């Protein structure tokens, strides 16, 4: 699907379907609907009768007269101008694009409203909202001929010279980031018989070749030689051998950022097996890995002036006679030991090895992403990612990027008092801390294995796996983290 821009009027744009955006403010509403009526040579009956008032999310479909390229024109309400944000632009664009798709339009046009400030952010928001809203994981659905009609192009249009100039840069960047998010969604939504440690490593290798960055894949023998006991322990019950994926983009520098993504390609819980209900979602337990891979696609294609390393421990957590058991003790890459009290707390065991390995790159910052705990979903639901770390400024930068992309993060405390909850009598640390503060004790476990660097942990359990469709997010794998991290790295110095 192509995302483009044309400097033209709503009357002249060549498309199957056009959406135009109207403010709710009384004066603006009158001006905009009157101007639209003049452009189209028709009455805007819904506006005249009060059936359409420009409220946020409100829509009305018009059928234009002869002389207008697109016969179907959708009015989309923006609400009051003073309340507009890039996120509201995203949602309005998503509303428009999904209606165009429902009407089987191949080419959808969005006629942009007057954009006076922060044009680049507004253009990007309209493009993201429209593009991301049309995602669907349907590769395994057999379709009838009339169901195969798909949107081929989304074109944003405006007659404003400043918008046209800004769009030259904003539109290509937006398409890259949206495609990278699609890539992460595809990886997360793919079934466990398609994506497992070896095939995830293959996907990383192909991405690196396609986008011009480096990917190194370590097999189970090499992982064992490195002393990564967490990775080896978690995968013992599966016939699928683990992989440790190392990605690298850019020239080494003093400002290296290491991104670590949890890559549990399917999680049964192991011996501490999960209930059958909802277990199918655990194909998405590698959403952290998907986010890292999607970010590498975006950063490399955008040619950002940064040095980024990606580390993905990839395993499958299965029960069998050879599985790691409650009470077992594992020795990790940095030499510390962990007592396995619950084999379903496996993500932290593999991240421990990766976080220890990260110190090798002398990073200025390390950020890990993981669908780590159900406790984080209980605390924050599906609207914010839990954030913990050891550096306030680094967390503030991620929070700023989160507000801009609306992939919001929210800090949780790593107070010293929580450390005693994961104290083990037989090892350096225990992998679960009991009923209370589960997201925080998981963060504390990870903290035990970090090196001498600034670090942030993002628990994306609630934001990566969604229970229902959003305005521009799908049920299932959301691809969260790609836009957040790309925005963070765009501002990184």
Protein backbone atom coordinates (compact mmCIF):
# COMPACT_ATOMS: atom_id res chain seq x y z
CA UNK A 1 0.00 0.00 0.00
CA UNK A 2 1.35 3.39 -1.01
CA UNK A 3 1.17 6.58 1.07
CA UNK A 4 1.54 9.79 -0.92
CA UNK A 5 0.76 13.51 -1.07
CA UNK A 6 -0.71 15.71 -3.79
CA UNK A 7 -1.01 19.48 -3.80
CA UNK A 8 -4.50 19.78 -5.19
CA UNK A 9 -8.09 20.57 -4.28
CA UNK A 10 -10.81 18.23 -3.10
CA UNK A 11 -12.61 18.72 -6.40
CA UNK A 12 -9.64 17.73 -8.53
CA UNK A 13 -8.12 14.85 -6.59
CA UNK A 14 -8.48 11.59 -8.48
CA UNK A 15 -9.63 8.95 -5.98
CA UNK A 16 -12.43 6.44 -5.38
CA UNK A 17 -13.26 8.00 -2.02
CA UNK A 18 -12.43 11.30 -0.33
CA UNK A 19 -12.60 12.25 3.33
CA UNK A 20 -12.61 15.86 4.44
CA UNK A 21 -12.30 17.04 8.03
CA UNK A 22 -14.59 19.58 9.67
CA UNK A 23 -14.19 21.45 12.98
CA UNK A 24 -17.05 21.66 15.47
CA UNK A 25 -16.53 25.34 16.37
CA UNK A 26 -19.63 27.18 15.10
CA UNK A 27 -17.80 29.82 13.06
CA UNK A 28 -15.30 27.38 11.57
CA UNK A 29 -18.03 24.84 10.90
CA UNK A 30 -20.01 27.35 8.86
CA UNK A 31 -16.94 28.54 6.96
CA UNK A 32 -15.73 25.04 6.15
CA UNK A 33 -19.07 23.57 5.09
CA UNK A 34 -19.87 26.65 2.99
CA UNK A 35 -16.46 26.49 1.29
CA UNK A 36 -16.91 22.76 0.69
CA UNK A 37 -20.36 23.28 -0.83
CA UNK A 38 -18.94 25.89 -3.20
CA UNK A 39 -16.06 23.61 -4.21
CA UNK A 40 -18.34 20.67 -4.89
CA UNK A 41 -21.21 22.61 -6.37
CA UNK A 42 -23.71 20.94 -4.06
CA UNK A 43 -25.55 21.49 -0.80
CA UNK A 44 -24.27 19.92 2.41
CA UNK A 45 -27.69 18.81 3.61
CA UNK A 46 -26.49 17.02 6.75
CA UNK A 47 -24.81 20.21 7.96
CA UNK A 48 -27.85 22.34 7.13
CA UNK A 49 -30.23 20.07 9.06
CA UNK A 50 -27.90 19.62 12.02
CA UNK A 51 -27.47 15.90 11.41
CA UNK A 52 -23.73 16.53 11.17
CA UNK A 53 -22.16 19.03 13.57
CA UNK A 54 -18.44 18.28 13.31
CA UNK A 55 -18.26 16.47 16.63
CA UNK A 56 -15.23 14.28 17.21
CA UNK A 57 -15.69 10.94 15.41
CA UNK A 58 -18.95 12.00 13.74
CA UNK A 59 -19.31 11.20 10.02
CA UNK A 60 -21.65 11.88 7.13
CA UNK A 61 -21.41 10.50 3.60
CA UNK A 62 -22.10 12.74 0.60
CA UNK A 63 -22.59 11.80 -3.02
CA UNK A 64 -21.07 14.54 -5.16
CA UNK A 65 -22.42 15.93 -8.42
CA UNK A 66 -20.76 15.65 -11.83
CA UNK A 67 -17.49 17.51 -12.16
CA UNK A 68 -15.99 16.02 -9.00
CA UNK A 69 -13.55 13.14 -9.53
CA UNK A 70 -14.67 11.18 -6.47
CA UNK A 71 -18.41 10.71 -6.16
CA UNK A 72 -18.29 9.63 -2.52
CA UNK A 73 -17.14 12.20 0.03
CA UNK A 74 -17.06 11.56 3.75
CA UNK A 75 -17.33 14.39 6.27
CA UNK A 76 -15.39 13.57 9.42
CA UNK A 77 -15.78 15.62 12.59
CA UNK A 78 -12.66 16.82 14.39
CA UNK A 79 -14.32 18.34 17.44
CA UNK A 80 -13.29 21.75 18.75
CA UNK A 81 -10.08 23.18 17.36
CA UNK A 82 -8.64 24.10 20.77
CA UNK A 83 -8.70 20.42 21.77
CA UNK A 84 -6.99 19.04 18.68
CA UNK A 85 -3.86 16.91 19.10
CA UNK A 86 -1.92 14.63 16.72
CA UNK A 87 -3.70 11.68 18.34
CA UNK A 88 -7.09 13.10 17.42
CA UNK A 89 -5.85 13.52 13.85
CA UNK A 90 -4.79 9.85 13.87
CA UNK A 91 -8.20 8.74 15.04
CA UNK A 92 -10.06 10.91 12.54
CA UNK A 93 -7.89 9.61 9.70
CA UNK A 94 -8.46 6.03 10.88
CA UNK A 95 -12.21 6.57 10.86
CA UNK A 96 -12.02 7.86 7.29
CA UNK A 97 -9.73 5.12 5.98
CA UNK A 98 -11.79 2.29 7.45
CA UNK A 99 -14.95 3.71 5.93
CA UNK A 100 -13.22 3.95 2.55
CA UNK A 101 -12.08 0.34 2.82
CA UNK A 102 -15.62 -0.76 3.72
CA UNK A 103 -16.82 0.93 0.53
CA UNK A 104 -14.18 -1.07 -1.41
CA UNK A 105 -12.18 1.98 -2.49
CA UNK A 106 -8.78 1.19 -3.98
CA UNK A 107 -7.55 4.77 -3.69
CA UNK A 108 -8.50 6.78 -0.61
CA UNK A 109 -7.86 10.52 -0.41
CA UNK A 110 -7.73 12.57 2.78
CA UNK A 111 -8.28 16.28 2.20
CA UNK A 112 -6.38 17.84 5.08
CA UNK A 113 -7.81 20.68 7.16
CA UNK A 114 -5.92 23.94 7.55
CA UNK A 115 -2.73 23.10 9.47
CA UNK A 116 -1.14 26.18 10.98
CA UNK A 117 1.29 24.79 13.54
CA UNK A 118 3.55 21.71 13.69
CA UNK A 119 2.57 20.70 10.18
CA UNK A 120 5.01 17.77 10.09
CA UNK A 121 3.46 16.20 13.20
CA UNK A 122 -0.05 16.71 11.86
CA UNK A 123 0.74 15.25 8.44
CA UNK A 124 2.45 12.26 10.06
CA UNK A 125 -0.53 11.73 12.36
CA UNK A 126 -3.04 11.71 9.48
CA UNK A 127 -0.82 9.31 7.52
CA UNK A 128 -0.22 6.99 10.48
CA UNK A 129 -3.85 6.87 11.51
CA UNK A 130 -5.04 5.99 8.02
CA UNK A 131 -2.30 3.50 7.21
CA UNK A 132 -2.21 1.68 10.54
CA UNK A 133 -6.01 1.39 10.71
CA UNK A 134 -6.13 -0.77 7.57
CA UNK A 135 -3.92 -3.55 8.93
CA UNK A 136 -5.38 -7.04 9.11
CA UNK A 137 -3.62 -10.35 9.63
CA UNK A 138 -5.52 -12.42 7.09
CA UNK A 139 -2.83 -14.36 5.22
CA UNK A 140 -4.36 -17.68 6.29
CA UNK A 141 -7.94 -16.79 5.35
CA UNK A 142 -9.17 -18.17 2.03
CA UNK A 143 -10.96 -15.31 0.28
CA UNK A 144 -13.59 -15.13 -2.38
CA UNK A 145 -12.85 -13.04 -5.45
CA UNK A 146 -15.00 -10.10 -4.35
CA UNK A 147 -13.28 -10.08 -0.94
CA UNK A 148 -9.84 -9.53 -2.45
CA UNK A 149 -10.36 -5.84 -3.18
CA UNK A 150 -7.84 -3.93 -1.07
CA UNK A 151 -6.80 -0.33 -0.61
CA UNK A 152 -3.79 0.27 -2.85
CA UNK A 153 -3.07 3.91 -2.08
CA UNK A 154 -3.76 6.53 0.55
CA UNK A 155 -3.15 10.05 -0.71
CA UNK A 156 -3.15 13.11 1.52
CA UNK A 157 -3.97 16.35 -0.26
CA UNK A 158 -3.96 20.07 0.49
CA UNK A 159 -3.74 23.34 -1.39
CA UNK A 160 -1.49 24.90 1.27
CA UNK A 161 2.07 25.56 0.02
CA UNK A 162 3.60 25.08 3.48
CA UNK A 163 1.86 21.73 3.90
CA UNK A 164 3.00 20.58 0.46
CA UNK A 165 6.61 21.50 1.28
CA UNK A 166 6.56 19.76 4.65
CA UNK A 167 4.88 16.66 3.21
CA UNK A 168 7.88 15.94 0.97
CA UNK A 169 9.79 14.75 4.03
CA UNK A 170 6.97 13.80 6.40
CA UNK A 171 5.11 11.39 4.09
CA UNK A 172 8.05 9.08 3.17
CA UNK A 173 9.10 8.90 6.83
CA UNK A 174 5.56 8.10 7.91
CA UNK A 175 5.27 5.29 5.40
CA UNK A 176 8.54 3.74 6.58
CA UNK A 177 7.44 3.78 10.23
CA UNK A 178 3.98 2.44 9.39
CA UNK A 179 5.45 -0.41 7.32
CA UNK A 180 7.87 -1.23 10.15
CA UNK A 181 4.90 -1.41 12.52
CA UNK A 182 3.11 -3.73 10.09
CA UNK A 183 6.22 -5.93 10.08
CA UNK A 184 6.19 -6.15 13.88
CA UNK A 185 2.45 -6.91 13.87
CA UNK A 186 2.90 -9.68 11.31
CA UNK A 187 5.63 -11.32 13.38
CA UNK A 188 3.59 -11.15 16.59
CA UNK A 189 0.35 -12.39 15.00
CA UNK A 190 1.94 -15.29 13.14
CA UNK A 191 1.14 -18.70 14.65
CA UNK A 192 3.68 -20.67 16.62
CA UNK A 193 4.13 -23.17 13.80
CA UNK A 194 5.30 -20.30 11.57
CA UNK A 195 7.39 -18.27 14.02
CA UNK A 196 9.67 -20.24 16.33
CA UNK A 197 13.26 -19.48 17.36
CA UNK A 198 14.90 -20.60 14.12
CA UNK A 199 12.36 -18.93 11.82
CA UNK A 200 12.42 -15.74 13.90
CA UNK A 201 16.19 -15.69 13.39
CA UNK A 202 15.64 -16.22 9.66
CA UNK A 203 13.21 -13.28 9.62
CA UNK A 204 15.84 -11.14 11.34
CA UNK A 205 18.48 -12.19 8.81
CA UNK A 206 16.19 -11.39 5.88
CA UNK A 207 15.25 -8.03 7.39
CA UNK A 208 18.92 -7.15 7.83
CA UNK A 209 19.65 -7.97 4.20
CA UNK A 210 16.60 -6.04 3.02
CA UNK A 211 17.24 -2.94 5.13
CA UNK A 212 21.02 -2.86 5.22
CA UNK A 213 21.94 -3.57 8.83
CA UNK A 214 23.86 -6.44 10.40
CA UNK A 215 22.40 -9.61 11.95
CA UNK A 216 24.42 -12.29 13.72
CA UNK A 217 22.69 -15.49 14.84
CA UNK A 218 24.07 -17.70 17.61
CA UNK A 219 22.83 -21.30 17.85
CA UNK A 220 22.30 -23.44 20.94
CA UNK A 221 25.91 -24.62 21.07
CA UNK A 222 27.25 -21.05 20.95
CA UNK A 223 24.67 -19.90 23.51
CA UNK A 224 25.75 -22.66 25.89
CA UNK A 225 29.42 -21.79 25.38
CA UNK A 226 28.65 -18.20 26.42
CA UNK A 227 27.17 -19.48 29.67
CA UNK A 228 23.65 -18.20 29.02
CA UNK A 229 21.96 -20.62 31.41
CA UNK A 230 18.63 -18.80 31.37
CA UNK A 231 18.14 -19.24 27.64
CA UNK A 232 19.31 -22.84 27.68
CA UNK A 233 17.17 -23.66 30.72
CA UNK A 234 13.92 -22.23 29.39
CA UNK A 235 14.16 -24.05 26.04
CA UNK A 236 15.06 -27.46 27.49
CA UNK A 237 11.50 -28.75 27.16
CA UNK A 238 11.11 -27.90 23.48
CA UNK A 239 12.30 -29.69 20.36
CA UNK A 240 12.92 -26.19 18.94
CA UNK A 241 16.47 -25.10 19.64
CA UNK A 242 17.08 -21.55 20.90
CA UNK A 243 18.68 -18.70 19.00
CA UNK A 244 20.38 -15.55 20.23
CA UNK A 245 19.92 -12.78 17.66
CA UNK A 246 22.36 -9.85 17.61
CA UNK A 247 21.47 -6.87 15.41
CA UNK A 248 23.61 -3.81 14.71
CA UNK A 249 23.01 -0.59 12.81
CA UNK A 250 25.27 2.45 12.46
CA UNK A 251 28.85 3.20 13.41
CA UNK A 252 30.03 2.41 16.96
CA UNK A 253 29.99 5.46 19.21
CA UNK A 254 29.94 6.58 22.82
CA UNK A 255 26.17 6.96 22.56
CA UNK A 256 25.31 3.37 21.67
CA UNK A 257 21.76 2.31 22.49
CA UNK A 258 21.05 -1.37 23.08
CA UNK A 259 17.49 -2.63 22.57
CA UNK A 260 16.62 -5.98 24.13
CA UNK A 261 13.44 -7.82 23.08
CA UNK A 262 11.89 -10.84 24.76
CA UNK A 263 11.59 -13.54 22.10
CA UNK A 264 9.47 -16.32 23.62
CA UNK A 265 7.87 -17.51 20.39
CA UNK A 266 5.32 -19.60 22.28
CA UNK A 267 4.79 -19.83 26.01
CA UNK A 268 2.85 -22.72 27.50
CA UNK A 269 4.20 -21.88 30.94
CA UNK A 270 6.35 -25.00 30.93
CA UNK A 271 5.90 -27.35 33.90
CA UNK A 272 3.97 -24.54 35.64
CA UNK A 273 1.57 -24.80 32.72
CA UNK A 274 -0.94 -22.10 31.89
CA UNK A 275 -4.70 -22.72 31.67
CA UNK A 276 -5.86 -23.73 28.18
CA UNK A 277 -8.17 -20.71 27.92
CA UNK A 278 -6.29 -17.87 26.26
CA UNK A 279 -3.08 -19.83 25.75
CA UNK A 280 -3.26 -19.24 21.98
CA UNK A 281 -2.37 -15.59 22.70
CA UNK A 282 1.04 -16.76 23.81
CA UNK A 283 2.19 -16.87 20.19
CA UNK A 284 2.52 -13.11 20.82
CA UNK A 285 4.89 -13.53 23.76
CA UNK A 286 7.67 -12.49 21.39
CA UNK A 287 6.17 -9.02 20.87
CA UNK A 288 9.25 -7.45 22.44
CA UNK A 289 11.42 -9.13 19.83
CA UNK A 290 9.01 -8.02 17.10
CA UNK A 291 9.22 -4.42 18.34
CA UNK A 292 13.02 -4.49 18.24
CA UNK A 293 13.04 -5.92 14.70
CA UNK A 294 10.46 -3.39 13.54
CA UNK A 295 12.51 -0.57 15.06
CA UNK A 296 15.61 -1.75 13.22
CA UNK A 297 13.68 -1.73 9.95
CA UNK A 298 12.52 1.84 10.60
CA UNK A 299 15.83 3.22 11.87
CA UNK A 300 17.89 1.69 9.06
CA UNK A 301 15.49 2.78 6.30
CA UNK A 302 15.32 6.29 7.75
CA UNK A 303 19.12 6.31 7.97
CA UNK A 304 19.10 7.83 11.45
CA UNK A 305 22.55 8.99 12.68
CA UNK A 306 22.64 6.59 15.63
CA UNK A 307 24.42 3.41 16.68
CA UNK A 308 21.90 0.80 17.80
CA UNK A 309 22.42 -2.80 18.91
CA UNK A 310 19.54 -5.25 19.21
CA UNK A 311 19.60 -8.39 21.35
CA UNK A 312 16.85 -11.00 21.05
CA UNK A 313 16.96 -14.24 23.07
CA UNK A 314 14.56 -16.54 21.17
CA UNK A 315 13.10 -19.63 22.84
CA UNK A 316 9.98 -21.76 23.00
CA UNK A 317 8.73 -22.64 26.51
CA UNK A 318 7.22 -26.15 26.48
CA UNK A 319 6.54 -28.87 29.08
CA UNK A 320 8.25 -32.22 28.67
CA UNK A 321 10.40 -34.68 30.54
CA UNK A 322 13.44 -32.50 29.95
CA UNK A 323 11.87 -29.17 30.94
CA UNK A 324 13.32 -26.92 33.60
CA UNK A 325 11.47 -27.59 36.89
CA UNK A 326 10.42 -25.49 39.87
CA UNK A 327 13.33 -25.58 42.29
CA UNK A 328 16.00 -25.80 39.57
CA UNK A 329 18.88 -23.33 39.70
CA UNK A 330 20.28 -21.66 36.58
CA UNK A 331 23.57 -19.82 36.16
CA UNK A 332 23.37 -16.77 33.88
CA UNK A 333 25.79 -14.99 31.55
CA UNK A 334 27.09 -12.65 34.25
CA UNK A 335 27.71 -15.53 36.66
CA UNK A 336 24.76 -14.92 38.96
CA UNK A 337 22.33 -17.72 39.76
CA UNK A 338 18.56 -17.77 39.84
CA UNK A 339 16.17 -20.18 41.53
CA UNK A 340 13.26 -21.14 39.27
CA UNK A 341 10.23 -20.99 41.54
CA UNK A 342 7.79 -20.83 38.61
CA UNK A 343 8.64 -21.93 35.06
CA UNK A 344 5.98 -19.55 33.70
CA UNK A 345 8.16 -16.63 34.77
CA UNK A 346 10.51 -17.53 31.93
CA UNK A 347 10.86 -14.22 30.11
CA UNK A 348 12.97 -12.69 32.85
CA UNK A 349 15.27 -15.73 32.78
CA UNK A 350 16.22 -15.22 29.14
CA UNK A 351 16.35 -11.43 29.44
CA UNK A 352 18.82 -11.81 32.31
CA UNK A 353 21.36 -13.30 29.90
CA UNK A 354 20.73 -10.66 27.25
CA UNK A 355 20.99 -7.78 29.73
CA UNK A 356 24.27 -9.15 31.00
CA UNK A 357 25.56 -9.49 27.43
CA UNK A 358 24.54 -5.89 26.66
CA UNK A 359 27.42 -4.55 28.78
CA UNK A 360 29.82 -5.84 26.13
CA UNK A 361 28.83 -2.90 23.91
CA UNK A 362 29.55 -0.22 26.58
CA UNK A 363 26.13 1.32 25.95
CA UNK A 364 24.95 4.79 26.87
CA UNK A 365 21.48 3.33 27.33
CA UNK A 366 19.80 -0.08 27.39
CA UNK A 367 16.06 -0.49 26.88
CA UNK A 368 14.34 -3.86 27.15
CA UNK A 369 10.79 -4.60 25.97
CA UNK A 370 8.89 -7.64 27.15
CA UNK A 371 5.38 -8.99 27.52
CA UNK A 372 6.57 -9.83 30.99
CA UNK A 373 3.73 -9.87 33.51
CA UNK A 374 -0.02 -10.16 33.75
CA UNK A 375 0.37 -8.01 36.85
CA UNK A 376 1.24 -5.03 34.65
CA UNK A 377 -1.99 -5.53 32.70
CA UNK A 378 -3.91 -5.57 35.99
CA UNK A 379 -2.21 -2.32 37.04
CA UNK A 380 -2.37 -0.34 33.77
CA UNK A 381 -4.77 -2.18 31.49
CA UNK A 382 -4.21 -1.96 27.75
CA UNK A 383 -3.58 1.78 27.53
CA UNK A 384 -0.11 2.29 28.97
CA UNK A 385 3.18 0.41 29.12
CA UNK A 386 4.76 -0.09 32.52
CA UNK A 387 8.20 1.54 32.81
CA UNK A 388 10.94 0.95 35.37
CA UNK A 389 14.59 1.89 35.33
CA UNK A 390 17.64 3.31 37.04
CA UNK A 391 17.89 6.69 35.27
CA UNK A 392 15.22 9.39 35.51
CA UNK A 393 16.40 11.36 32.46
CA UNK A 394 16.31 8.29 30.23
CA UNK A 395 12.80 7.48 31.44
CA UNK A 396 11.73 11.09 30.80
CA UNK A 397 12.96 10.85 27.21
CA UNK A 398 10.92 7.70 26.66
CA UNK A 399 7.90 9.32 28.28
CA UNK A 400 8.24 12.29 25.91
CA UNK A 401 8.45 9.96 22.90
CA UNK A 402 5.45 8.05 24.25
CA UNK A 403 3.30 11.16 24.50
CA UNK A 404 4.22 12.19 20.95
CA UNK A 405 3.43 8.78 19.42
CA UNK A 406 0.64 7.96 21.88
CA UNK A 407 2.46 4.75 22.76
CA UNK A 408 2.40 5.99 26.32
CA UNK A 409 4.57 4.71 29.15
CA UNK A 410 4.00 5.10 32.87
CA UNK A 411 6.64 4.78 35.62
CA UNK A 412 6.42 2.16 38.34
CA UNK A 413 8.73 2.28 41.38
CA UNK A 414 11.75 0.06 41.94
CA UNK A 415 12.00 0.86 45.64
CA UNK A 416 14.62 -1.09 47.59
CA UNK A 417 11.90 -2.61 49.80
CA UNK A 418 10.66 -4.72 46.88
CA UNK A 419 14.02 -6.50 46.52
CA UNK A 420 13.43 -8.76 49.53
CA UNK A 421 10.42 -10.30 47.77
CA UNK A 422 12.71 -12.11 45.32
CA UNK A 423 15.26 -13.24 47.89
CA UNK A 424 16.19 -16.90 47.51
CA UNK A 425 17.52 -19.21 50.21
CA UNK A 426 19.51 -21.26 47.71
CA UNK A 427 20.54 -18.91 44.89
CA UNK A 428 21.37 -15.26 44.26
CA UNK A 429 17.77 -14.45 43.35
CA UNK A 430 14.37 -16.12 42.91
CA UNK A 431 12.42 -15.68 39.67
CA UNK A 432 9.07 -14.78 41.27
CA UNK A 433 8.19 -12.66 44.28
CA UNK A 434 4.78 -13.85 45.31
CA UNK A 435 1.32 -12.36 44.78
CA UNK A 436 2.02 -8.69 45.34
CA UNK A 437 3.68 -6.16 43.00
CA UNK A 438 4.36 -8.77 40.34
CA UNK A 439 5.38 -6.30 37.62
CA UNK A 440 7.79 -4.56 40.00
CA UNK A 441 9.41 -7.73 41.35
CA UNK A 442 9.94 -8.84 37.74
CA UNK A 443 11.66 -5.52 37.11
CA UNK A 444 13.76 -6.01 40.22
CA UNK A 445 14.81 -9.44 38.99
CA UNK A 446 16.05 -7.88 35.74
CA UNK A 447 17.85 -5.15 37.65
CA UNK A 448 19.97 -7.86 39.30
CA UNK A 449 21.46 -8.69 35.91
CA UNK A 450 22.12 -5.31 34.32
CA UNK A 451 25.63 -3.98 33.95
CA UNK A 452 27.08 -0.56 34.67
CA UNK A 453 24.79 1.35 32.35
CA UNK A 454 21.59 3.40 32.23
CA UNK A 455 18.65 1.06 31.84
CA UNK A 456 14.89 1.12 31.30
CA UNK A 457 12.54 -1.86 31.34
CA UNK A 458 9.25 -1.61 29.43
CA UNK A 459 6.58 -4.16 30.36
CA UNK A 460 4.39 -4.21 27.23
CA UNK A 461 2.14 -7.09 28.29
CA UNK A 462 -0.97 -4.92 28.17
CA UNK A 463 -0.15 -2.77 25.16
CA UNK A 464 1.31 -5.42 22.85
CA UNK A 465 -1.56 -7.93 23.04
CA UNK A 466 -4.95 -6.30 22.58
CA UNK A 467 -8.35 -7.82 23.28
CA UNK A 468 -10.25 -5.68 20.77
CA UNK A 469 -9.74 -3.41 17.79
CA UNK A 470 -8.86 0.21 18.48
CA UNK A 471 -9.10 3.19 16.15
CA UNK A 472 -5.87 2.22 14.39
CA UNK A 473 -4.72 -0.80 16.39
CA UNK A 474 -5.86 -4.37 15.67
CA UNK A 475 -7.07 -7.04 18.01
CA UNK A 476 -4.03 -9.21 18.72
CA UNK A 477 -0.49 -8.02 18.13
CA UNK A 478 -0.37 -4.21 18.12
CA UNK A 479 3.25 -3.65 17.06
CA UNK A 480 3.69 -1.38 20.07
CA UNK A 481 7.22 -0.11 20.60
CA UNK A 482 8.19 0.52 16.99
CA UNK A 483 6.87 4.07 16.80
CA UNK A 484 7.89 4.76 20.41
CA UNK A 485 11.50 3.64 19.98
CA UNK A 486 11.89 5.21 16.55
CA UNK A 487 10.74 8.56 17.92
CA UNK A 488 13.08 8.14 20.88
CA UNK A 489 16.02 7.39 18.59
CA UNK A 490 15.19 10.31 16.27
CA UNK A 491 15.76 12.60 19.26
CA UNK A 492 18.74 10.66 20.69
CA UNK A 493 22.04 12.52 21.02
